[in-house]
Structure formats: C-alpha cells, structure tokens
Protein backbone atom coordinates (compact mmCIF):
# COMPACT_ATOMS: atom_id res chain seq x y z
CA MET A 1 17.75 17.60 -15.11
CA ARG A 2 15.93 20.88 -15.72
CA LEU A 3 12.78 19.53 -14.12
CA ALA A 4 14.71 18.54 -11.00
CA GLN A 5 16.17 22.04 -10.84
CA LEU A 6 12.60 23.36 -10.88
CA ASN A 7 11.67 20.98 -8.01
CA ILE A 8 9.50 18.90 -10.33
CA PRO A 9 9.88 15.13 -9.81
CA ALA A 10 10.85 13.49 -13.09
CA VAL A 11 12.18 10.35 -14.73
CA ALA A 12 14.11 10.64 -17.98
CA LEU A 13 13.39 7.87 -20.46
CA LEU A 14 16.48 8.54 -22.57
CA GLY A 15 14.54 7.52 -25.64
CA ILE A 16 11.01 6.29 -26.26
CA HIS A 17 10.95 3.11 -24.16
CA LEU A 18 10.56 2.50 -20.45
CA SER A 19 13.13 0.17 -18.98
CA ALA A 20 11.79 -2.72 -16.91
CA VAL A 21 12.97 -0.96 -13.74
CA GLN A 22 11.31 2.33 -14.73
CA ASN A 23 8.10 0.50 -15.60
CA ASP A 24 8.00 -1.28 -12.23
CA LEU A 25 8.74 1.92 -10.30
CA LEU A 26 6.22 4.08 -12.16
CA LYS A 27 3.44 1.56 -11.53
CA LYS A 28 3.79 2.49 -7.84
CA VAL A 29 3.61 6.28 -8.35
CA SER A 30 0.49 8.35 -8.78
CA PRO A 31 -0.03 10.36 -10.78
CA VAL A 32 2.35 9.80 -13.67
CA VAL A 33 2.55 12.65 -16.16
CA LEU A 34 3.98 11.80 -19.57
CA MET A 35 5.57 14.56 -21.63
CA LEU A 36 7.52 13.14 -24.53
CA ASP A 37 8.70 14.83 -27.71
CA GLY A 38 6.01 16.18 -30.00
CA ASP A 39 7.22 14.18 -33.00
CA ARG A 40 5.54 11.02 -34.26
CA ALA A 41 7.84 8.70 -32.29
CA GLY A 42 7.13 10.61 -29.07
CA GLN A 43 3.39 10.57 -29.67
CA GLU A 44 3.38 6.83 -30.39
CA ALA A 45 5.52 6.14 -27.32
CA THR A 46 3.14 8.19 -25.18
CA VAL A 47 0.21 6.01 -26.25
CA ARG A 48 2.18 2.80 -25.66
CA ILE A 49 3.52 3.83 -22.24
CA ARG A 50 0.17 5.18 -21.10
CA SER A 51 -1.50 1.89 -22.03
CA ALA A 52 1.12 -0.07 -20.10
CA LEU A 53 0.80 2.05 -16.93
CA GLU A 54 -2.94 2.82 -16.79
CA PRO A 55 -3.97 -0.51 -15.24
CA TYR A 56 -1.74 0.35 -12.26
CA THR A 57 -1.79 4.12 -11.77
CA LYS A 58 -3.38 7.39 -12.87
CA VAL A 59 -1.67 8.66 -16.04
CA TYR A 60 -1.92 12.13 -17.56
CA THR A 61 -0.32 13.28 -20.78
CA ILE A 62 1.03 16.61 -21.91
CA THR A 63 1.04 16.69 -25.70
CA LEU A 64 3.57 19.00 -27.28
CA PRO A 65 3.19 20.41 -30.78
CA SER A 66 5.00 18.57 -33.56
CA GLY A 67 8.67 19.48 -33.64
CA LEU A 68 8.89 20.52 -29.98
CA ASP A 69 10.42 18.56 -27.16
CA PRO A 70 10.24 19.29 -23.43
CA ASP A 71 13.64 20.97 -23.48
CA ASP A 72 12.29 23.58 -25.91
CA LEU A 73 9.93 24.92 -23.22
CA SER A 74 10.95 27.75 -20.94
CA ASP A 75 11.28 27.10 -17.22
CA GLU A 76 8.06 29.04 -16.68
CA ALA A 77 6.18 26.94 -19.25
CA LEU A 78 7.49 23.67 -17.77
CA SER A 79 6.45 24.73 -14.28
CA SER A 80 3.05 25.83 -15.48
CA VAL A 81 2.08 22.70 -17.42
CA THR A 82 3.37 20.25 -14.82
CA ARG A 83 2.06 22.05 -11.75
CA HIS A 84 -1.47 21.61 -13.07
CA PHE A 85 -1.07 17.84 -12.70
CA LEU A 86 1.24 17.48 -9.72
CA PHE A 87 0.35 20.11 -7.15
C-alpha cells in the first residue's frame, strides 16, 4: 500500500510465494523488481522467484540487510531504491 501511495507500481506477495495468477501476470511485465524481507526466508524466496520469472522478463532485485523488511524503509528510501529500476 505504501508503494502505491508513492506512485510506485507494486504487487504484494503476502508471504514468500507467488500465486499462479501473480506469476502469470508478472511474466508479462518488464522490468520486475523484487524486494522481499531481508531475512533468510525472504532471500531464498527472492532467488526462487527470480529463477521462475527470468526466462520471461527482466528481473532486478533489491537486497535488504538481514532483519529489515521493505516497510522498515522510509518513504524517501523506498522512492530512491525503486526509482533507479523503474524510471
């Protein structure tokens, strides 16, 4: 929701797995920027999701430090790291 408020297009995974619908939709979008939680589960999910999408679209990743999740970043930081990839 915060990303949408910052005019940054986003899809929330609500966990660490893409749904079949999300997977099909993201294959048609370029680029896809993944920014999951910085914990081990988030890092592993990033690798798995990137591998699934790369045959279909350009995928970038934003790796957060361990213990941080995207919601921990300020609005300015979110805008800064995503703008580099999207605009």
